[in-house]
Each structure stands twice: as C-alpha cells, then as structure tokens.
Protein backbone atom coordinates (compact mmCIF):
# COMPACT_ATOMS: atom_id res chain seq x y z
CA UNK A 1 32.53 233.41 78.82
CA UNK A 2 34.24 230.26 77.57
CA UNK A 3 33.09 228.47 74.44
CA UNK A 4 33.65 224.78 74.22
CA UNK A 5 32.37 223.64 70.84
CA UNK A 6 28.85 224.99 70.53
CA UNK A 7 28.51 225.39 74.30
CA UNK A 8 29.16 228.68 76.08
CA UNK A 9 30.19 228.48 79.64
CA UNK A 10 29.85 231.47 81.87
CA UNK A 11 32.63 231.24 84.37
CA UNK A 12 31.30 234.24 86.22
CA UNK A 13 28.47 232.19 87.50
CA UNK A 14 29.55 230.60 90.81
CA UNK A 15 27.54 227.52 90.23
CA UNK A 16 28.96 227.01 86.82
CA UNK A 17 32.41 227.70 88.15
CA UNK A 18 31.90 225.23 90.95
CA UNK A 19 30.72 222.60 88.45
CA UNK A 20 33.65 223.29 86.20
CA UNK A 21 36.05 222.98 89.12
CA UNK A 22 34.35 219.79 90.25
CA UNK A 23 34.56 218.37 86.79
CA UNK A 24 38.21 219.34 86.61
CA UNK A 25 38.89 217.77 89.96
CA UNK A 26 36.98 214.67 88.95
CA UNK A 27 39.02 214.52 85.79
CA UNK A 28 42.18 214.99 87.76
CA UNK A 29 41.15 212.24 90.17
CA UNK A 30 40.40 209.97 87.29
CA UNK A 31 43.81 210.75 85.76
CA UNK A 32 45.41 210.13 89.14
CA UNK A 33 43.43 206.92 89.54
CA UNK A 34 44.46 205.74 86.11
CA UNK A 35 48.08 206.68 86.88
CA UNK A 36 47.83 204.91 90.24
CA UNK A 37 46.40 201.82 88.58
CA UNK A 38 49.16 201.83 86.03
CA UNK A 39 51.77 202.31 88.76
CA UNK A 40 50.14 199.54 90.77
CA UNK A 41 50.26 197.24 87.75
CA UNK A 42 53.89 198.12 87.20
CA UNK A 43 54.63 197.54 90.88
CA UNK A 44 52.77 194.24 90.81
CA UNK A 45 54.75 193.13 87.77
CA UNK A 46 57.96 194.29 89.43
CA UNK A 47 57.12 192.55 92.71
CA UNK A 48 56.00 189.29 91.05
CA UNK A 49 59.60 187.94 90.51
CA UNK A 50 60.37 188.94 94.04
CA UNK A 51 57.36 187.01 95.22
CA UNK A 52 58.52 184.01 93.21
CA UNK A 53 62.00 184.33 94.69
CA UNK A 54 60.55 184.66 98.15
CA UNK A 55 58.43 181.50 97.50
CA UNK A 56 61.45 179.63 96.20
CA UNK A 57 63.46 180.87 99.17
CA UNK A 58 60.71 179.59 101.44
CA UNK A 59 60.77 176.19 99.74
CA UNK A 60 64.57 176.15 100.02
CA UNK A 61 64.33 177.03 103.68
CA UNK A 62 61.72 174.28 104.09
CA UNK A 63 63.99 171.83 102.22
CA UNK A 64 66.90 172.88 104.42
CA UNK A 65 64.76 172.21 107.45
CA UNK A 66 63.80 168.79 106.14
CA UNK A 67 67.43 168.07 105.21
CA UNK A 68 68.44 169.16 108.69
CA UNK A 69 65.89 166.77 110.12
CA UNK A 70 67.14 163.94 107.86
CA UNK A 71 70.70 164.86 108.73
CA UNK A 72 69.82 164.70 112.39
CA UNK A 73 68.21 161.28 111.81
CA UNK A 74 71.22 160.12 109.79
CA UNK A 75 73.60 161.33 112.46
CA UNK A 76 71.54 159.46 115.02
CA UNK A 77 71.60 156.31 112.84
CA UNK A 78 75.32 156.69 112.26
CA UNK A 79 75.83 157.15 115.96
CA UNK A 80 73.81 154.00 116.64
CA UNK A 81 75.70 152.06 113.98
CA UNK A 82 78.99 153.34 115.32
CA UNK A 83 78.00 152.27 118.80
CA UNK A 84 76.96 148.81 117.53
CA UNK A 85 80.12 148.56 115.41
CA UNK A 86 82.25 149.49 118.40
CA UNK A 87 80.42 146.92 120.51
CA UNK A 88 80.80 144.22 117.83
CA UNK A 89 84.44 145.22 117.30
CA UNK A 90 85.10 144.99 121.00
CA UNK A 91 83.36 141.60 121.09
CA UNK A 92 85.31 140.39 118.03
CA UNK A 93 88.54 141.69 119.56
CA UNK A 94 87.76 139.85 122.75
CA UNK A 95 87.05 136.62 120.83
CA UNK A 96 90.19 137.17 118.77
CA UNK A 97 92.23 137.73 121.89
CA UNK A 98 90.76 134.54 123.35
CA UNK A 99 91.59 132.65 120.14
CA UNK A 100 95.07 134.12 120.09
CA UNK A 101 95.59 133.20 123.71
CA UNK A 102 94.24 129.70 123.06
CA UNK A 103 96.39 129.38 119.92
CA UNK A 104 99.43 130.62 121.77
CA UNK A 105 98.76 128.13 124.52
CA UNK A 106 98.37 125.30 121.98
CA UNK A 107 101.44 126.52 120.10
CA UNK A 108 103.46 126.66 123.25
CA UNK A 109 102.24 123.21 124.20
CA UNK A 110 102.96 121.87 120.70
CA UNK A 111 106.33 123.59 120.70
CA UNK A 112 107.21 122.08 124.02
CA UNK A 113 106.01 118.68 122.76
CA UNK A 114 107.99 119.01 119.53
CA UNK A 115 110.98 120.23 121.47
CA UNK A 116 110.76 117.22 123.75
CA UNK A 117 110.32 114.93 120.75
CA UNK A 118 113.20 116.63 118.93
CA UNK A 119 115.37 116.21 122.00
CA UNK A 120 114.41 112.54 122.10
CA UNK A 121 115.19 112.16 118.40
CA UNK A 122 118.44 114.04 118.91
CA UNK A 123 119.29 111.64 121.69
CA UNK A 124 118.54 108.72 119.35
CA UNK A 125 120.66 110.33 116.63
CA UNK A 126 123.49 110.79 119.08
CA UNK A 127 123.18 107.15 120.04
CA UNK A 128 123.24 106.20 116.35
CA UNK A 129 126.27 108.42 115.85
CA UNK A 130 127.95 106.72 118.78
CA UNK A 131 127.18 103.32 117.24
CA UNK A 132 128.36 104.54 113.84
CA UNK A 133 131.53 105.88 115.46
CA UNK A 134 132.12 102.49 117.00
CA UNK A 135 131.57 100.87 113.59
CA UNK A 136 133.92 103.38 111.99
CA UNK A 137 136.56 102.59 114.57
CA UNK A 138 136.04 98.88 113.88
CA UNK A 139 136.19 99.57 110.14
CA UNK A 140 139.39 101.55 110.65
CA UNK A 141 140.83 98.54 112.39
CA UNK A 142 139.65 96.35 109.51
CA UNK A 143 141.24 98.76 107.01
CA UNK A 144 144.48 98.63 108.94
CA UNK A 145 144.22 94.86 108.91
CA UNK A 146 143.59 94.98 105.17
CA UNK A 147 146.61 97.20 104.73
CA UNK A 148 148.63 94.70 106.73
CA UNK A 149 147.29 91.94 104.50
CA UNK A 150 148.03 93.85 101.30
CA UNK A 151 151.49 94.86 102.46
CA UNK A 152 152.56 91.20 102.43
CA UNK A 153 152.78 89.45 99.07
CA UNK A 154 151.62 86.08 100.36
CA UNK A 155 148.63 87.47 102.25
CA UNK A 156 147.84 89.77 99.30
CA UNK A 157 147.80 86.74 97.03
CA UNK A 158 145.48 84.99 99.46
CA UNK A 159 143.19 88.03 99.42
CA UNK A 160 142.99 87.90 95.60
CA UNK A 161 142.35 84.15 95.71
CA UNK A 162 139.52 84.57 98.22
CA UNK A 163 137.85 87.19 96.04
CA UNK A 164 138.32 84.98 92.97
CA UNK A 165 136.83 81.99 94.83
CA UNK A 166 133.80 84.00 95.78
CA UNK A 167 133.16 85.18 92.21
CA UNK A 168 133.70 81.76 90.63
CA UNK A 169 131.53 79.91 93.17
CA UNK A 170 128.65 82.30 92.48
CA UNK A 171 128.92 82.11 88.68
CA UNK A 172 129.57 78.42 87.92
CA UNK A 173 128.15 75.07 89.07
CA UNK A 174 130.18 73.27 91.71
CA UNK A 175 131.45 70.60 89.30
CA UNK A 176 132.64 73.16 86.75
CA UNK A 177 135.74 74.38 88.58
CA UNK A 178 138.39 73.49 91.15
CA UNK A 179 140.82 75.54 93.24
CA UNK A 180 144.52 75.02 93.85
CA UNK A 181 144.73 72.36 91.18
CA UNK A 182 148.20 70.93 90.43
CA UNK A 183 149.01 70.63 86.73
CA UNK A 184 151.26 68.10 85.01
CA UNK A 185 154.23 70.49 85.16
CA UNK A 186 153.93 70.68 88.94
CA UNK A 187 152.53 74.22 88.97
CA UNK A 188 149.49 74.90 91.13
CA UNK A 189 146.72 76.98 89.55
CA UNK A 190 144.61 79.28 91.70
CA UNK A 191 141.50 78.21 89.79
CA UNK A 192 140.89 75.73 86.96
CA UNK A 193 137.68 76.08 84.94
CA UNK A 194 136.68 72.73 83.40
CA UNK A 195 135.52 73.83 79.96
CA UNK A 196 134.75 71.17 77.32
CA UNK A 197 137.09 70.59 74.38
CA UNK A 198 137.53 72.85 72.62
CA UNK A 199 138.88 75.05 74.18
CA UNK A 200 139.51 72.78 77.18
CA UNK A 201 140.25 73.62 80.83
CA UNK A 202 141.39 77.20 81.38
CA UNK A 203 143.42 78.55 84.33
CA UNK A 204 142.68 81.77 86.26
CA UNK A 205 145.61 83.16 88.24
CA UNK A 206 145.12 85.98 90.77
CA UNK A 207 147.75 88.75 90.63
CA UNK A 208 147.89 92.07 92.48
CA UNK A 209 150.69 94.53 91.47
CA UNK A 210 149.95 96.74 94.45
CA UNK A 211 153.40 98.27 95.05
CA UNK A 212 153.75 99.53 91.50
CA UNK A 213 150.20 100.94 91.53
CA UNK A 214 150.68 102.71 94.87
CA UNK A 215 153.93 104.18 93.57
CA UNK A 216 152.02 105.51 90.55
CA UNK A 217 149.25 107.00 92.72
CA UNK A 218 151.69 108.68 95.12
CA UNK A 219 154.05 109.94 92.41
CA UNK A 220 154.68 113.71 92.33
CA UNK A 221 155.65 115.37 89.08
CA UNK A 222 155.50 114.21 85.48
CA UNK A 223 158.85 112.44 85.55
CA UNK A 224 157.98 110.45 88.66
CA UNK A 225 154.54 109.52 87.26
CA UNK A 226 156.11 108.41 83.98
CA UNK A 227 158.63 106.25 85.80
CA UNK A 228 155.96 104.75 88.08
CA UNK A 229 153.71 104.02 85.10
CA UNK A 230 156.61 102.28 83.34
CA UNK A 231 157.28 100.21 86.46
CA UNK A 232 153.59 99.22 86.67
CA UNK A 233 153.66 98.08 83.05
CA UNK A 234 156.84 96.11 83.66
CA UNK A 235 155.32 94.42 86.70
CA UNK A 236 152.21 93.40 84.77
CA UNK A 237 154.34 92.12 81.88
CA UNK A 238 156.25 89.91 84.30
CA UNK A 239 152.98 88.44 85.57
CA UNK A 240 151.74 87.89 82.02
CA UNK A 241 154.92 86.02 81.07
CA UNK A 242 154.79 83.88 84.20
CA UNK A 243 151.15 82.89 83.58
CA UNK A 244 151.82 82.08 79.93
CA UNK A 245 154.77 79.87 80.84
CA UNK A 246 153.15 78.06 83.77
CA UNK A 247 149.48 77.63 82.97
CA UNK A 248 149.25 77.22 79.20
CA UNK A 249 150.07 73.55 78.52
CA UNK A 250 149.38 72.10 75.11
CA UNK A 251 147.04 69.15 75.24
CA UNK A 252 146.18 69.73 78.89
CA UNK A 253 144.79 73.24 79.20
CA UNK A 254 143.15 75.70 76.86
CA UNK A 255 145.26 77.75 74.50
CA UNK A 256 145.08 80.72 76.84
CA UNK A 257 144.71 81.79 80.48
CA UNK A 258 143.17 84.56 82.57
CA UNK A 259 144.98 86.96 84.89
CA UNK A 260 142.60 88.13 87.62
CA UNK A 261 143.20 91.62 89.06
CA UNK A 262 141.12 92.02 92.26
CA UNK A 263 141.13 95.81 91.81
CA UNK A 264 138.98 97.75 89.35
CA UNK A 265 141.29 100.76 89.74
CA UNK A 266 144.38 98.85 88.57
CA UNK A 267 142.37 97.34 85.69
CA UNK A 268 141.11 100.78 84.61
CA UNK A 269 144.61 102.27 84.89
CA UNK A 270 146.03 99.58 82.63
CA UNK A 271 143.41 100.04 79.91
CA UNK A 272 143.53 103.85 80.14
CA UNK A 273 147.31 104.46 80.26
CA UNK A 274 148.98 101.16 79.31
CA UNK A 275 147.06 99.72 76.35
CA UNK A 276 150.29 98.27 74.97
CA UNK A 277 150.54 96.05 78.07
CA UNK A 278 146.98 94.80 77.46
CA UNK A 279 147.88 94.06 73.82
CA UNK A 280 150.99 92.21 75.04
CA UNK A 281 148.67 90.05 77.15
CA UNK A 282 146.57 89.32 74.05
CA UNK A 283 149.70 88.34 72.14
CA UNK A 284 150.71 85.97 74.94
CA UNK A 285 147.10 84.62 75.09
CA UNK A 286 146.73 85.91 78.64
CA UNK A 287 143.56 87.95 79.12
CA UNK A 288 143.42 90.43 82.00
CA UNK A 289 140.09 90.54 83.86
CA UNK A 290 138.76 92.56 86.80
CA UNK A 291 136.02 91.41 89.24
CA UNK A 292 133.34 92.82 86.93
CA UNK A 293 134.70 91.50 83.65
CA UNK A 294 135.57 88.18 85.29
CA UNK A 295 131.91 87.72 86.27
CA UNK A 296 130.82 88.43 82.68
CA UNK A 297 133.44 85.99 81.34
CA UNK A 298 132.35 83.30 83.78
CA UNK A 299 128.71 83.72 82.74
CA UNK A 300 129.79 83.11 79.14
CA UNK A 301 131.69 80.00 80.27
CA UNK A 302 128.59 78.77 82.08
CA UNK A 303 126.61 79.06 78.85
CA UNK A 304 129.33 77.06 77.04
CA UNK A 305 129.20 74.37 79.75
CA UNK A 306 125.44 74.19 79.50
CA UNK A 307 125.58 73.81 75.73
CA UNK A 308 128.24 71.07 76.01
CA UNK A 309 126.17 69.19 78.56
CA UNK A 310 123.14 69.43 76.33
CA UNK A 311 125.17 67.94 73.47
CA UNK A 312 126.34 65.14 75.78
CA UNK A 313 122.74 64.43 76.69
CA UNK A 314 121.56 64.57 73.07
CA UNK A 315 121.19 60.76 72.94
CA UNK A 316 119.04 60.69 76.03
CA UNK A 317 117.02 63.57 74.67
CA UNK A 318 116.42 61.70 71.38
CA UNK A 319 115.41 58.57 73.32
CA UNK A 320 113.01 60.59 75.43
CA UNK A 321 111.59 62.19 72.28
CA UNK A 322 111.08 58.75 70.73
CA UNK A 323 109.21 57.54 73.78
CA UNK A 324 107.21 60.73 73.75
CA UNK A 325 106.30 60.16 70.09
CA UNK A 326 105.18 56.60 70.92
CA UNK A 327 103.00 57.88 73.75
CA UNK A 328 101.47 60.49 71.44
CA UNK A 329 100.72 57.75 68.87
CA UNK A 330 99.01 55.59 71.51
CA UNK A 331 96.98 58.58 72.62
CA UNK A 332 95.89 59.22 69.01
CA UNK A 333 94.79 55.55 68.62
CA UNK A 334 92.86 55.59 71.89
CA UNK A 335 91.28 58.89 70.93
CA UNK A 336 90.16 57.39 67.56
CA UNK A 337 88.60 54.41 69.29
CA UNK A 338 86.87 56.65 71.76
CA UNK A 339 85.55 58.77 68.90
CA UNK A 340 84.15 55.60 67.25
CA UNK A 341 82.47 54.50 70.47
CA UNK A 342 81.02 57.92 70.99
CA UNK A 343 79.66 57.99 67.43
CA UNK A 344 78.06 54.55 67.87
CA UNK A 345 76.58 55.62 71.17
CA UNK A 346 75.21 58.72 69.42
CA UNK A 347 73.62 56.56 66.73
CA UNK A 348 72.08 54.28 69.38
CA UNK A 349 70.70 57.25 71.25
CA UNK A 350 69.27 58.65 68.00
CA UNK A 351 67.58 55.25 67.29
CA UNK A 352 66.18 55.16 70.80
CA UNK A 353 64.75 58.64 70.38
CA UNK A 354 63.17 57.69 67.04
CA UNK A 355 61.60 54.49 68.49
CA UNK A 356 60.40 56.44 71.50
CA UNK A 357 58.74 59.04 69.26
CA UNK A 358 57.09 56.32 67.20
CA UNK A 359 55.80 54.55 70.31
CA UNK A 360 54.44 57.84 71.60
CA UNK A 361 52.50 58.42 68.38
CA UNK A 362 51.01 54.89 68.56
CA UNK A 363 49.98 55.45 72.18
CA UNK A 364 48.32 58.72 71.20
CA UNK A 365 46.32 56.96 68.47
CA UNK A 366 45.23 54.26 70.95
CA UNK A 367 44.15 56.95 73.35
CA UNK A 368 41.76 58.39 70.71
CA UNK A 369 40.53 55.02 69.42
CA UNK A 370 36.68 54.68 69.08
CA UNK A 371 35.32 51.34 70.34
CA UNK A 372 31.88 51.66 68.65
CA UNK A 373 30.48 48.53 67.06
CA UNK A 374 31.61 48.13 63.51
CA UNK A 375 29.72 46.57 60.68
CA UNK A 376 30.78 43.01 59.86
CA UNK A 377 32.13 43.97 56.49
CA UNK A 378 33.87 47.04 57.99
CA UNK A 379 35.25 44.90 60.79
CA UNK A 380 36.59 42.44 58.31
CA UNK A 381 38.13 45.23 56.24
CA UNK A 382 39.63 46.73 59.40
CA UNK A 383 40.91 43.33 60.47
CA UNK A 384 39.03 43.45 63.78
CA UNK A 385 38.65 40.12 65.58
CA UNK A 386 35.07 39.63 66.78
CA UNK A 387 34.55 39.15 70.49
CA UNK A 388 32.08 36.25 70.02
CA UNK A 389 31.21 33.86 67.22
CA UNK A 390 28.13 34.85 65.20
C-alpha cells in the first residue's frame, strides 16, 4: 500500500498499478515534451542568427549576381566604346595623315618657291655686289687720284680752294665774296669776304699741311711722334705767319684773316695736341677754321651782311613807313566818312519805317470806318463835308 497524502494506493491491484504506470508514463512524456519544447526553443534561438546570416548571404549572392550582370553590361558598353573610339581614332589618324600629307606637300611647294625666290634674290644680291665691286674699284681709282692730287702741293692747294669755294658759295650771297682777288700788295687771296666796315673785307686762305700730318700719323714710338708733332706745329706756324704778313693790310682788309684747313682731322689734332699753335694764331689775328667751323663762321658773316644792308636801306624803309602812315590816315578818313553815311542811311531807314508804320495804322482805321449817316451837328463836329447842299 502506498499513501499519498490522504489517499492510499494499493499497488497490488493490477488495475491500480496499470493506472499508476500510465500516469507515470504520461508524466514522463509531459516532462519529455516540455524538455523537447525547451530544446526546440533553444535550437530555434540558436538557428535564428544562422537563418539571418543565410538570408544575408542570399542577398549578397543576389547582389553579386546583379553586379555580375551590371559588370557584364559595363564590359559590353566599354567594349562598344572602345570599338567606337578605335574607329574614331583610326578616322582621326587618317584625316591627320591626310592633313600632314597635304601640309607637307604645301610646305614642300612653299619651300621650293621660297628657295627659287631666295635664289633669285641671291642672284640680284650678287649682281648688286658686282656693281658695288665695280664702284669700289672706281672709288679706289678716285682715291688714288686724290692721293696723286694731295701728293702735289699745287694740286693740294687747288683741292683746298675747291672745297672752300663750295662752302662759301653755299653760305653767302653771290655779291658778298670773290675768289682769287688781288690785293694792293700784289698778293692774291683765295677768297675775299666783303664785310662792311667795321671790320671790313676779310681774307680766307686755304692751307693743307699734309706731309707733317701724315708723318705724325705714321710715326712709331714716343720720340718719333713728339718730333712729328713739333714739325706739324712748325708747319702751321709758318702758314700763320705768311697769312698775317700777306693778307692783313691796314685800311684795306679787316684786322684779321682766316686760315682754312680742309681736313677735320688736322683741325682736331691741332686743338687737341697743339693748343699753343692755336693761341699763336690768335695772337697773330689769324683764326684757324675747318669745313664745319668755317660754315658756322660764314653764317655769322651773312647775318652781319644782312644787318649792314638793312642799315643801308634804313632811309628807304623810313620813306616806305611814311607812305604807309599816309595811306593808313587816308583809310581812317574814308572809314569815318563811310561811318557817317552809314549812320545817315540808318536814320533814313528808321524814318521810313516809322512813316510806314504810321501809314499802316491810318489805313487800318480807314478799313474799319463806319459810313452811317451822321447827324448834322455831329457831322459838323466831326468836320464831315456833306455830299449835297441841304
């Protein structure tokens, strides 16, 4: 017998025993079911992340498939673009090759044209060079001729005189100078400038100390240059003395003369290295001039001549001014008379305008006049003449 609480169970009874065993089995099944449910819940919770991972893996696989499809489409697009790019590149290369060929052809044609033109210009240059060579040969001959001229004192003097003549004739009026004029002492001046008194006529003598200058230029060594420079100074001093003695004549010429050096180099050498010779010329009242300074001096002389001629013509100028003043006076008188006439004409015109305005007003009153019959007394007062006798 088994007592459970207040209940006694007889386990010897087969029915009771079978019920107890069934109940125990039922209880065991229930325990197993509960345990199975719990295990199933635990398994479900354990499998749930796996399910999520499997879902995510499926989505990833699906995305990979879609990406593969897009990649395949992109590769196809890239392939098409590459094919089009290759075709356009080939076409552009063909056009470029055509342009290059055309440009090369034009360049070759232009090059050949320029080459032909350059050859023509070169031929012209060669012809010009040939002509210049001929001129140089002619000039060389002229230089040799000039050297021959300058090597002779007489011809060298003529050369200086020709250059002096050219300068003087360009600077002064034709009546202001004369060449190869013989003075009272029998000496012949290369050029005589007819300046007014004072200072009076002045002589220009052309000198060319070429030998002494060439010796100075070709001198080698300090001693030789010093000696050549001293010889040049001595030569110029001799010329200065000769000019002072021959061409300065009291009462006939100016109190001085000019020595014309037809070489700027000799003139510069004198002023640079022989200033004492230039001062000696000043002391002797002989002024050394070159072609440039001679032109400036002659322009000053021309101004002096012009001033002297204006003084000579002062009487004529005063007479002309007097006549001009008389003419101006006559013009002033005539202008005054004309002004008077114009003023009178203006007054007459003003009177005419006034009379015309007055006549117009009278005509306007006549135009508005009323010809109604007036009373006798009114007619008498108005001074109206009756048309018939009463």
